[in-house]
Structure formats: C-alpha cells, structure tokens
Amino acid sequence: MPDFLHNHPWWNYIHEDLQELLNQSVLLSEVFADRKKDIREKLFGKRNNPVFHDYSFIVFPAAKAYEGFLKNLFYDLRFIDEEDFFGKRFRVGKALNPQLEKRYRDAESVYDRLVDFCQGNELADTLWDTWKEGRNMLFHWFPNERNAISYAEARLRIDKILEAMDMAFEECKINST
C-alpha cells in the first residue's frame, strides 16, 4: 500500500473500498515506472517492458474513487439527498457540468451549489475539469478523437484527482472522523 496516500487529509473520510481503488491506481502506476522492473518481469515475462497504446487503465480505479469521494462530499454537504446518494440515477458529470441546461439547473446542478457554498467558482471548476480529464475524456470512445494517454499522462491525471480531492476537502471543511 502506498504510504503517501495516508497523508492526505481526506484519507479517513473516504470509504475503505475507495481507499483500495486509489491504492490500485498508484500501485499500477508504480508497476510501469522504471523502478519496478522486477514486478513487470513477473507479470509479463520476457516482454517485461510492454508499451501500451493507452494507459488509461491506470487511471480508472482513481477515477472511480473520485466519483465516490464526490458523491460522499455532495451528500455530506446536503447538495444531494439520500435517494441520489444510494440510487443509480444520479450522475456526477451532469451535476458538475457548468453548462448544464437551464431547465435542469435548479434541481440537478451541484456546480451552482458549490459556487454558492464557496462564494466563487474555483473549486467547482477544479472538480469539473478533473472530472472531464480524469474520467469523461478517458473512458468514452468517439470516432475521430484520440483519447488514449501515455504513462506520464496517466500519472498526471492521478495526481490531479488527488489534488482536487485535497482542495475539496480543505475548502468544504469536512470532518473526517
């Protein structure tokens, strides 16, 4: 388990399954780092330094944990209700989208509630940008769009997710106990 994750202020706030997802992303990224050649050899044999077209699979567990973190945050701030939190219909991407159609904004926009809560749009924009780059742009396929990322880009996306969680936790003053 990567020790540095425990140093984040939100670590005890998130559920154990989200902790495990973050650990998975960090461990996957370490497997493909130069310093983990021995692990790659065990996994891939003689082809111990595979080059993949797309390393988004490294980001996926962190993106899933980010979604869980955001749902918990929105629920604890009372931006979403119990039905949204436990149900299958609430969509973080829709709720965080600053361009959500006017007719849905009052009922479904967490973005607007964050802007009001923080008295500015910096946090809401950061959470939205992180969502787009760390999840939406990676896990959807569209013709004529290259959404594949390099190993270095995958590491940057994971770091951005962790930084967004740090910022949200600090800005929203969530109690982690």
N, C-alpha and C. Protein backbone atom coordinates (compact mmCIF):
# COMPACT_ATOMS: atom_id res chain seq x y z
N MET A 1 0.85 -1.18 0.00
CA MET A 1 0.00 0.00 0.00
C MET A 1 0.89 1.24 0.00
N PRO A 2 0.65 2.16 -0.92
CA PRO A 2 1.44 3.39 -0.97
C PRO A 2 1.22 4.24 0.28
N ASP A 3 2.29 4.46 1.02
CA ASP A 3 2.19 5.18 2.29
C ASP A 3 1.74 6.63 2.14
N PHE A 4 2.13 7.28 1.06
CA PHE A 4 1.83 8.70 0.93
C PHE A 4 0.34 9.00 0.88
N LEU A 5 -0.47 8.04 0.47
CA LEU A 5 -1.91 8.28 0.42
C LEU A 5 -2.49 8.56 1.80
N HIS A 6 -1.92 7.94 2.82
CA HIS A 6 -2.39 8.15 4.19
C HIS A 6 -2.18 9.58 4.66
N ASN A 7 -1.31 10.31 4.01
CA ASN A 7 -1.01 11.69 4.41
C ASN A 7 -2.05 12.69 3.92
N HIS A 8 -2.93 12.27 3.06
CA HIS A 8 -3.97 13.18 2.57
C HIS A 8 -5.02 13.39 3.65
N PRO A 9 -5.50 14.61 3.81
CA PRO A 9 -6.44 14.90 4.90
C PRO A 9 -7.77 14.16 4.79
N TRP A 10 -8.13 13.73 3.61
CA TRP A 10 -9.41 13.05 3.38
C TRP A 10 -9.31 11.54 3.51
N TRP A 11 -8.12 10.98 3.77
CA TRP A 11 -7.94 9.53 3.74
C TRP A 11 -8.93 8.81 4.66
N ASN A 12 -9.11 9.27 5.87
CA ASN A 12 -10.03 8.61 6.80
C ASN A 12 -11.49 8.95 6.52
N TYR A 13 -11.72 9.95 5.71
CA TYR A 13 -13.07 10.35 5.32
C TYR A 13 -13.67 9.38 4.31
N ILE A 14 -12.84 8.88 3.40
CA ILE A 14 -13.38 8.04 2.33
C ILE A 14 -13.54 6.60 2.81
N HIS A 15 -14.46 5.91 2.17
CA HIS A 15 -14.74 4.52 2.50
C HIS A 15 -13.55 3.63 2.14
N GLU A 16 -13.46 2.50 2.78
CA GLU A 16 -12.36 1.56 2.56
C GLU A 16 -12.26 1.12 1.10
N ASP A 17 -13.39 0.92 0.44
CA ASP A 17 -13.33 0.50 -0.96
C ASP A 17 -12.74 1.59 -1.85
N LEU A 18 -12.96 2.85 -1.50
CA LEU A 18 -12.37 3.95 -2.26
C LEU A 18 -10.87 4.03 -1.99
N GLN A 19 -10.48 3.78 -0.75
CA GLN A 19 -9.05 3.73 -0.42
C GLN A 19 -8.36 2.66 -1.27
N GLU A 20 -9.00 1.50 -1.36
CA GLU A 20 -8.43 0.40 -2.12
C GLU A 20 -8.30 0.75 -3.61
N LEU A 21 -9.29 1.44 -4.16
CA LEU A 21 -9.21 1.85 -5.56
C LEU A 21 -8.04 2.80 -5.79
N LEU A 22 -7.85 3.75 -4.89
CA LEU A 22 -6.71 4.67 -5.02
C LEU A 22 -5.39 3.92 -4.91
N ASN A 23 -5.33 2.99 -3.98
CA ASN A 23 -4.12 2.16 -3.86
C ASN A 23 -3.85 1.42 -5.17
N GLN A 24 -4.89 0.91 -5.80
CA GLN A 24 -4.72 0.18 -7.06
C GLN A 24 -4.12 1.06 -8.14
N SER A 25 -4.63 2.28 -8.27
CA SER A 25 -4.10 3.17 -9.31
C SER A 25 -2.63 3.48 -9.06
N VAL A 26 -2.30 3.78 -7.82
CA VAL A 26 -0.91 4.11 -7.50
C VAL A 26 -0.01 2.89 -7.73
N LEU A 27 -0.46 1.73 -7.29
CA LEU A 27 0.34 0.52 -7.49
C LEU A 27 0.51 0.19 -8.98
N LEU A 28 -0.56 0.33 -9.75
CA LEU A 28 -0.45 0.11 -11.20
C LEU A 28 0.56 1.08 -11.82
N SER A 29 0.50 2.34 -11.38
CA SER A 29 1.45 3.31 -11.95
C SER A 29 2.88 2.95 -11.57
N GLU A 30 3.07 2.42 -10.38
CA GLU A 30 4.42 2.02 -9.95
C GLU A 30 4.92 0.81 -10.72
N VAL A 31 4.02 -0.09 -11.09
CA VAL A 31 4.42 -1.27 -11.86
C VAL A 31 5.07 -0.84 -13.18
N PHE A 32 4.56 0.22 -13.77
CA PHE A 32 5.08 0.67 -15.06
C PHE A 32 6.16 1.73 -14.94
N ALA A 33 6.50 2.11 -13.71
CA ALA A 33 7.62 3.02 -13.50
C ALA A 33 8.92 2.22 -13.62
N ASP A 34 9.96 2.87 -14.00
CA ASP A 34 11.25 2.18 -14.22
C ASP A 34 11.73 1.43 -12.99
N ARG A 35 11.41 1.91 -11.81
CA ARG A 35 11.95 1.29 -10.60
C ARG A 35 11.28 -0.04 -10.24
N LYS A 36 10.26 -0.45 -10.97
CA LYS A 36 9.55 -1.70 -10.67
C LYS A 36 9.75 -2.75 -11.75
N LYS A 37 10.94 -2.82 -12.31
CA LYS A 37 11.23 -3.76 -13.39
C LYS A 37 10.99 -5.20 -12.95
N ASP A 38 11.30 -5.52 -11.70
CA ASP A 38 11.12 -6.90 -11.22
C ASP A 38 9.66 -7.33 -11.24
N ILE A 39 8.75 -6.43 -10.92
CA ILE A 39 7.31 -6.74 -10.95
C ILE A 39 6.85 -6.92 -12.39
N ARG A 40 7.32 -6.06 -13.28
CA ARG A 40 6.94 -6.19 -14.69
C ARG A 40 7.41 -7.53 -15.25
N GLU A 41 8.61 -7.95 -14.87
CA GLU A 41 9.13 -9.23 -15.35
C GLU A 41 8.24 -10.38 -14.88
N LYS A 42 7.75 -10.31 -13.63
CA LYS A 42 6.85 -11.35 -13.13
C LYS A 42 5.53 -11.35 -13.89
N LEU A 43 5.04 -10.17 -14.22
CA LEU A 43 3.76 -10.06 -14.91
C LEU A 43 3.85 -10.37 -16.40
N PHE A 44 4.92 -9.94 -17.04
CA PHE A 44 4.99 -10.01 -18.49
C PHE A 44 6.10 -10.90 -19.02
N GLY A 45 6.87 -11.52 -18.16
CA GLY A 45 7.94 -12.41 -18.61
C GLY A 45 9.00 -11.67 -19.39
N LYS A 46 9.43 -12.27 -20.49
CA LYS A 46 10.50 -11.67 -21.29
C LYS A 46 10.09 -10.33 -21.88
N ARG A 47 8.82 -10.16 -22.08
CA ARG A 47 8.31 -8.88 -22.59
C ARG A 47 8.04 -7.98 -21.37
N ASN A 48 9.10 -7.72 -20.62
CA ASN A 48 8.93 -7.07 -19.32
C ASN A 48 8.77 -5.56 -19.37
N ASN A 49 8.85 -4.99 -20.54
CA ASN A 49 8.63 -3.55 -20.64
C ASN A 49 7.61 -3.28 -21.74
N PRO A 50 6.36 -3.71 -21.49
CA PRO A 50 5.36 -3.54 -22.54
C PRO A 50 5.06 -2.07 -22.80
N VAL A 51 4.80 -1.79 -24.02
CA VAL A 51 4.39 -0.44 -24.40
C VAL A 51 2.94 -0.56 -24.84
N PHE A 52 2.09 0.15 -24.14
CA PHE A 52 0.67 0.12 -24.46
C PHE A 52 0.29 1.37 -25.24
N HIS A 53 -0.70 1.22 -26.06
CA HIS A 53 -1.24 2.35 -26.81
C HIS A 53 -1.92 3.34 -25.87
N ASP A 54 -2.47 2.84 -24.77
CA ASP A 54 -3.28 3.67 -23.87
C ASP A 54 -3.10 3.19 -22.44
N TYR A 55 -2.74 4.11 -21.58
CA TYR A 55 -2.54 3.79 -20.16
C TYR A 55 -3.70 4.28 -19.28
N SER A 56 -4.83 4.50 -19.87
CA SER A 56 -5.98 4.97 -19.07
C SER A 56 -6.40 3.94 -18.03
N PHE A 57 -6.05 2.67 -18.25
CA PHE A 57 -6.40 1.64 -17.27
C PHE A 57 -5.75 1.90 -15.91
N ILE A 58 -4.66 2.65 -15.90
CA ILE A 58 -4.02 3.02 -14.63
C ILE A 58 -4.86 4.04 -13.88
N VAL A 59 -5.54 4.91 -14.60
CA VAL A 59 -6.33 5.99 -14.01
C VAL A 59 -7.70 5.50 -13.54
N PHE A 60 -8.23 4.47 -14.19
CA PHE A 60 -9.61 4.06 -13.93
C PHE A 60 -9.94 3.87 -12.44
N PRO A 61 -9.16 3.12 -11.65
CA PRO A 61 -9.53 2.97 -10.24
C PRO A 61 -9.57 4.31 -9.49
N ALA A 62 -8.64 5.21 -9.79
CA ALA A 62 -8.63 6.52 -9.13
C ALA A 62 -9.85 7.34 -9.55
N ALA A 63 -10.22 7.24 -10.81
CA ALA A 63 -11.40 7.97 -11.29
C ALA A 63 -12.67 7.46 -10.62
N LYS A 64 -12.74 6.16 -10.43
CA LYS A 64 -13.89 5.57 -9.74
C LYS A 64 -13.92 6.01 -8.28
N ALA A 65 -12.76 6.06 -7.64
CA ALA A 65 -12.68 6.54 -6.25
C ALA A 65 -13.06 8.02 -6.17
N TYR A 66 -12.66 8.79 -7.17
CA TYR A 66 -13.00 10.21 -7.22
C TYR A 66 -14.52 10.38 -7.29
N GLU A 67 -15.17 9.57 -8.10
CA GLU A 67 -16.62 9.62 -8.18
C GLU A 67 -17.25 9.34 -6.81
N GLY A 68 -16.75 8.32 -6.12
CA GLY A 68 -17.26 8.01 -4.78
C GLY A 68 -17.00 9.12 -3.80
N PHE A 69 -15.82 9.70 -3.85
CA PHE A 69 -15.49 10.84 -2.99
C PHE A 69 -16.46 11.99 -3.22
N LEU A 70 -16.69 12.32 -4.50
CA LEU A 70 -17.59 13.43 -4.82
C LEU A 70 -19.02 13.15 -4.35
N LYS A 71 -19.50 11.94 -4.57
CA LYS A 71 -20.85 11.61 -4.10
C LYS A 71 -20.95 11.76 -2.59
N ASN A 72 -19.94 11.28 -1.87
CA ASN A 72 -19.94 11.45 -0.41
C ASN A 72 -19.91 12.91 -0.03
N LEU A 73 -19.07 13.68 -0.68
CA LEU A 73 -18.96 15.11 -0.41
C LEU A 73 -20.30 15.81 -0.65
N PHE A 74 -20.90 15.56 -1.79
CA PHE A 74 -22.17 16.20 -2.13
C PHE A 74 -23.27 15.81 -1.15
N TYR A 75 -23.26 14.57 -0.72
CA TYR A 75 -24.25 14.09 0.25
C TYR A 75 -24.02 14.76 1.62
N ASP A 76 -22.78 14.78 2.07
CA ASP A 76 -22.48 15.39 3.37
C ASP A 76 -22.75 16.88 3.40
N LEU A 77 -22.60 17.55 2.26
CA LEU A 77 -22.90 18.98 2.16
C LEU A 77 -24.39 19.23 1.91
N ARG A 78 -25.15 18.15 1.79
CA ARG A 78 -26.59 18.20 1.53
C ARG A 78 -26.93 18.80 0.16
N PHE A 79 -26.02 18.61 -0.78
CA PHE A 79 -26.27 19.03 -2.16
C PHE A 79 -27.08 17.97 -2.89
N ILE A 80 -26.99 16.73 -2.43
CA ILE A 80 -27.81 15.66 -2.96
C ILE A 80 -28.48 14.96 -1.77
N ASP A 81 -29.60 14.32 -2.03
CA ASP A 81 -30.31 13.64 -0.94
C ASP A 81 -29.95 12.16 -0.90
N GLU A 82 -30.55 11.46 0.03
CA GLU A 82 -30.27 10.04 0.22
C GLU A 82 -30.60 9.22 -1.02
N GLU A 83 -31.70 9.57 -1.68
CA GLU A 83 -32.09 8.86 -2.90
C GLU A 83 -31.03 9.00 -3.99
N ASP A 84 -30.48 10.21 -4.14
CA ASP A 84 -29.40 10.42 -5.12
C ASP A 84 -28.15 9.65 -4.72
N PHE A 85 -27.82 9.69 -3.44
CA PHE A 85 -26.59 9.06 -2.96
C PHE A 85 -26.62 7.54 -3.13
N PHE A 86 -27.70 6.93 -2.74
CA PHE A 86 -27.79 5.47 -2.77
C PHE A 86 -28.37 4.93 -4.08
N GLY A 87 -28.99 5.80 -4.86
CA GLY A 87 -29.64 5.37 -6.09
C GLY A 87 -28.68 5.19 -7.26
N LYS A 88 -29.23 4.78 -8.37
CA LYS A 88 -28.46 4.50 -9.57
C LYS A 88 -28.61 5.59 -10.64
N ARG A 89 -29.39 6.60 -10.38
CA ARG A 89 -29.71 7.58 -11.42
C ARG A 89 -28.86 8.85 -11.36
N PHE A 90 -28.32 9.21 -10.20
CA PHE A 90 -27.54 10.44 -10.06
C PHE A 90 -26.25 10.33 -10.87
N ARG A 91 -25.94 11.36 -11.63
CA ARG A 91 -24.74 11.39 -12.47
C ARG A 91 -23.87 12.58 -12.06
N VAL A 92 -22.68 12.27 -11.55
CA VAL A 92 -21.76 13.32 -11.12
C VAL A 92 -21.43 14.26 -12.27
N GLY A 93 -21.15 13.71 -13.44
CA GLY A 93 -20.79 14.55 -14.58
C GLY A 93 -21.87 15.53 -14.97
N LYS A 94 -23.09 15.11 -14.90
CA LYS A 94 -24.21 16.00 -15.21
C LYS A 94 -24.34 17.08 -14.13
N ALA A 95 -24.27 16.67 -12.88
CA ALA A 95 -24.45 17.60 -11.76
C ALA A 95 -23.32 18.62 -11.67
N LEU A 96 -22.11 18.25 -12.08
CA LEU A 96 -20.95 19.15 -12.01
C LEU A 96 -20.77 20.01 -13.26
N ASN A 97 -21.51 19.71 -14.30
CA ASN A 97 -21.33 20.39 -15.58
C ASN A 97 -21.78 21.85 -15.49
N PRO A 98 -20.86 22.81 -15.67
CA PRO A 98 -21.26 24.22 -15.59
C PRO A 98 -22.12 24.65 -16.77
N GLN A 99 -22.19 23.85 -17.83
CA GLN A 99 -23.04 24.17 -18.97
C GLN A 99 -24.36 23.40 -18.97
N LEU A 100 -24.73 22.86 -17.83
CA LEU A 100 -26.00 22.14 -17.74
C LEU A 100 -27.14 23.06 -18.18
N GLU A 101 -28.03 22.50 -18.96
CA GLU A 101 -29.15 23.29 -19.47
C GLU A 101 -29.94 23.95 -18.35
N LYS A 102 -30.39 25.14 -18.58
CA LYS A 102 -31.10 25.96 -17.59
C LYS A 102 -32.26 25.20 -16.95
N ARG A 103 -32.99 24.43 -17.72
CA ARG A 103 -34.18 23.77 -17.19
C ARG A 103 -33.85 22.69 -16.16
N TYR A 104 -32.59 22.22 -16.11
CA TYR A 104 -32.19 21.21 -15.14
C TYR A 104 -31.40 21.78 -13.96
N ARG A 105 -30.97 23.01 -14.07
CA ARG A 105 -30.02 23.57 -13.10
C ARG A 105 -30.54 23.59 -11.67
N ASP A 106 -31.73 24.08 -11.44
CA ASP A 106 -32.23 24.18 -10.06
C ASP A 106 -32.31 22.84 -9.36
N ALA A 107 -32.77 21.84 -10.07
CA ALA A 107 -32.96 20.53 -9.45
C ALA A 107 -31.68 19.69 -9.41
N GLU A 108 -30.80 19.85 -10.40
CA GLU A 108 -29.71 18.89 -10.54
C GLU A 108 -28.30 19.46 -10.49
N SER A 109 -28.13 20.77 -10.43
CA SER A 109 -26.79 21.33 -10.53
C SER A 109 -26.09 21.41 -9.17
N VAL A 110 -25.13 20.54 -8.97
CA VAL A 110 -24.26 20.63 -7.81
C VAL A 110 -23.23 21.73 -8.05
N TYR A 111 -22.89 21.96 -9.31
CA TYR A 111 -21.94 23.02 -9.65
C TYR A 111 -22.39 24.35 -9.04
N ASP A 112 -23.64 24.72 -9.27
CA ASP A 112 -24.15 26.00 -8.76
C ASP A 112 -24.15 26.03 -7.23
N ARG A 113 -24.47 24.92 -6.60
CA ARG A 113 -24.45 24.86 -5.14
C ARG A 113 -23.03 25.02 -4.59
N LEU A 114 -22.05 24.43 -5.27
CA LEU A 114 -20.66 24.60 -4.87
C LEU A 114 -20.21 26.06 -5.01
N VAL A 115 -20.59 26.69 -6.11
CA VAL A 115 -20.24 28.10 -6.31
C VAL A 115 -20.82 28.95 -5.18
N ASP A 116 -22.07 28.71 -4.84
CA ASP A 116 -22.70 29.45 -3.73
C ASP A 116 -22.01 29.16 -2.40
N PHE A 117 -21.76 27.89 -2.14
CA PHE A 117 -21.16 27.46 -0.87
C PHE A 117 -19.77 28.06 -0.68
N CYS A 118 -18.98 28.08 -1.75
CA CYS A 118 -17.59 28.56 -1.68
C CYS A 118 -17.46 30.04 -2.04
N GLN A 119 -18.55 30.65 -2.41
CA GLN A 119 -18.58 32.06 -2.81
C GLN A 119 -17.58 32.34 -3.94
N GLY A 120 -17.59 31.45 -4.90
CA GLY A 120 -16.74 31.57 -6.07
C GLY A 120 -16.70 30.26 -6.82
N ASN A 121 -16.17 30.29 -8.03
CA ASN A 121 -16.23 29.09 -8.87
C ASN A 121 -14.93 28.30 -8.95
N GLU A 122 -13.90 28.67 -8.20
CA GLU A 122 -12.61 27.98 -8.31
C GLU A 122 -12.71 26.48 -7.99
N LEU A 123 -13.32 26.13 -6.88
CA LEU A 123 -13.45 24.72 -6.52
C LEU A 123 -14.34 23.99 -7.51
N ALA A 124 -15.48 24.57 -7.82
CA ALA A 124 -16.41 23.91 -8.75
C ALA A 124 -15.74 23.67 -10.11
N ASP A 125 -14.99 24.65 -10.60
CA ASP A 125 -14.29 24.49 -11.88
C ASP A 125 -13.20 23.43 -11.79
N THR A 126 -12.48 23.39 -10.68
CA THR A 126 -11.43 22.39 -10.50
C THR A 126 -12.03 20.98 -10.48
N LEU A 127 -13.11 20.80 -9.72
CA LEU A 127 -13.75 19.49 -9.66
C LEU A 127 -14.27 19.07 -11.02
N TRP A 128 -14.86 20.01 -11.76
CA TRP A 128 -15.38 19.72 -13.09
C TRP A 128 -14.25 19.38 -14.06
N ASP A 129 -13.19 20.20 -14.10
CA ASP A 129 -12.07 19.93 -15.00
C ASP A 129 -11.42 18.58 -14.70
N THR A 130 -11.28 18.28 -13.43
CA THR A 130 -10.70 16.99 -13.03
C THR A 130 -11.60 15.85 -13.47
N TRP A 131 -12.90 16.02 -13.34
CA TRP A 131 -13.85 15.01 -13.79
C TRP A 131 -13.73 14.78 -15.29
N LYS A 132 -13.69 15.87 -16.04
CA LYS A 132 -13.59 15.74 -17.50
C LYS A 132 -12.29 15.05 -17.91
N GLU A 133 -11.16 15.51 -17.37
CA GLU A 133 -9.87 14.98 -17.78
C GLU A 133 -9.57 13.60 -17.19
N GLY A 134 -10.06 13.36 -15.98
CA GLY A 134 -9.73 12.11 -15.31
C GLY A 134 -10.73 11.00 -15.53
N ARG A 135 -11.85 11.32 -16.13
CA ARG A 135 -12.85 10.28 -16.35
C ARG A 135 -13.50 10.39 -17.73
N ASN A 136 -14.26 11.43 -17.96
CA ASN A 136 -15.06 11.52 -19.18
C ASN A 136 -14.23 11.39 -20.45
N MET A 137 -13.14 12.11 -20.54
CA MET A 137 -12.35 12.10 -21.76
C MET A 137 -11.57 10.79 -21.92
N LEU A 138 -11.41 10.04 -20.84
CA LEU A 138 -10.66 8.79 -20.91
C LEU A 138 -11.52 7.58 -21.21
N PHE A 139 -12.72 7.55 -20.68
CA PHE A 139 -13.49 6.31 -20.69
C PHE A 139 -14.66 6.31 -21.66
N HIS A 140 -14.66 7.26 -22.56
CA HIS A 140 -15.64 7.26 -23.65
C HIS A 140 -14.87 7.22 -24.96
N TRP A 141 -15.44 6.55 -25.92
CA TRP A 141 -14.83 6.48 -27.23
C TRP A 141 -15.71 7.19 -28.24
N PHE A 142 -15.08 8.03 -29.05
CA PHE A 142 -15.78 8.72 -30.12
C PHE A 142 -14.95 8.61 -31.39
N PRO A 143 -15.59 8.42 -32.55
CA PRO A 143 -14.84 8.39 -33.79
C PRO A 143 -14.07 9.70 -33.98
N ASN A 144 -12.92 9.61 -34.57
CA ASN A 144 -12.10 10.78 -34.89
C ASN A 144 -11.55 11.52 -33.67
N GLU A 145 -11.58 10.89 -32.50
CA GLU A 145 -10.98 11.50 -31.32
C GLU A 145 -10.01 10.52 -30.71
N ARG A 146 -8.83 11.00 -30.42
CA ARG A 146 -7.81 10.16 -29.78
C ARG A 146 -7.83 10.48 -28.29
N ASN A 147 -8.39 9.59 -27.51
CA ASN A 147 -8.45 9.79 -26.07
C ASN A 147 -7.45 8.90 -25.33
N ALA A 148 -6.54 8.29 -26.06
CA ALA A 148 -5.51 7.46 -25.44
C ALA A 148 -4.48 8.36 -24.78
N ILE A 149 -3.94 7.90 -23.64
CA ILE A 149 -2.94 8.69 -22.92
C ILE A 149 -1.69 7.86 -22.67
N SER A 150 -0.58 8.55 -22.55
CA SER A 150 0.70 7.91 -22.25
C SER A 150 0.77 7.59 -20.76
N TYR A 151 1.81 6.85 -20.40
CA TYR A 151 2.05 6.55 -18.99
C TYR A 151 2.20 7.85 -18.19
N ALA A 152 2.99 8.78 -18.69
CA ALA A 152 3.22 10.06 -17.99
C ALA A 152 1.92 10.83 -17.81
N GLU A 153 1.09 10.82 -18.84
CA GLU A 153 -0.21 11.50 -18.74
C GLU A 153 -1.11 10.81 -17.71
N ALA A 154 -1.05 9.50 -17.64
CA ALA A 154 -1.84 8.76 -16.64
C ALA A 154 -1.44 9.18 -15.23
N ARG A 155 -0.13 9.28 -14.99
CA ARG A 155 0.35 9.71 -13.67
C ARG A 155 -0.14 11.12 -13.36
N LEU A 156 -0.12 11.99 -14.34
CA LEU A 156 -0.59 13.37 -14.13
C LEU A 156 -2.08 13.40 -13.80
N ARG A 157 -2.86 12.54 -14.44
CA ARG A 157 -4.31 12.51 -14.16
C ARG A 157 -4.58 12.01 -12.75
N ILE A 158 -3.83 11.01 -12.30
CA ILE A 158 -3.99 10.53 -10.93
C ILE A 158 -3.64 11.63 -9.95
N ASP A 159 -2.53 12.31 -10.20
CA ASP A 159 -2.13 13.41 -9.31
C ASP A 159 -3.19 14.51 -9.28
N LYS A 160 -3.77 14.81 -10.43
CA LYS A 160 -4.81 15.84 -10.49
C LYS A 160 -6.04 15.43 -9.67
N ILE A 161 -6.40 14.17 -9.73
CA ILE A 161 -7.52 13.66 -8.93
C ILE A 161 -7.22 13.84 -7.44
N LEU A 162 -6.03 13.45 -7.02
CA LEU A 162 -5.65 13.58 -5.60
C LEU A 162 -5.64 15.04 -5.17
N GLU A 163 -5.14 15.92 -6.02
CA GLU A 163 -5.11 17.35 -5.70
C GLU A 163 -6.51 17.94 -5.62
N ALA A 164 -7.40 17.52 -6.50
CA ALA A 164 -8.78 18.01 -6.46
C ALA A 164 -9.47 17.56 -5.17
N MET A 165 -9.20 16.34 -4.77
CA MET A 165 -9.78 15.83 -3.52
C MET A 165 -9.22 16.62 -2.33
N ASP A 166 -7.92 16.91 -2.33
CA ASP A 166 -7.32 17.75 -1.28
C ASP A 166 -8.02 19.10 -1.21
N MET A 167 -8.17 19.73 -2.35
CA MET A 167 -8.77 21.06 -2.42
C MET A 167 -10.21 21.03 -1.92
N ALA A 168 -10.98 20.06 -2.37
CA ALA A 168 -12.38 19.96 -1.96
C ALA A 168 -12.50 19.73 -0.46
N PHE A 169 -11.68 18.86 0.05
CA PHE A 169 -11.74 18.54 1.48
C PHE A 169 -11.41 19.77 2.31
N GLU A 170 -10.39 20.51 1.89
CA GLU A 170 -9.99 21.72 2.62
C GLU A 170 -11.04 22.82 2.50
N GLU A 171 -11.47 23.08 1.27
CA GLU A 171 -12.43 24.17 1.03
C GLU A 171 -13.78 23.92 1.72
N CYS A 172 -14.19 22.68 1.76
CA CYS A 172 -15.52 22.37 2.28
C CYS A 172 -15.50 22.05 3.77
N LYS A 173 -14.32 22.01 4.37
CA LYS A 173 -14.19 21.80 5.81
C LYS A 173 -14.97 20.59 6.30
N ILE A 174 -14.73 19.46 5.64
CA ILE A 174 -15.42 18.22 6.01
C ILE A 174 -14.74 17.61 7.22
N ASN A 175 -15.53 17.08 8.13
CA ASN A 175 -15.00 16.40 9.32
C ASN A 175 -14.70 14.95 8.96
N SER A 176 -13.43 14.54 9.11
CA SER A 176 -13.04 13.20 8.69
C SER A 176 -13.14 12.16 9.80
N THR A 177 -13.67 12.48 10.92
CA THR A 177 -13.78 11.49 12.00
C THR A 177 -15.17 10.99 12.16
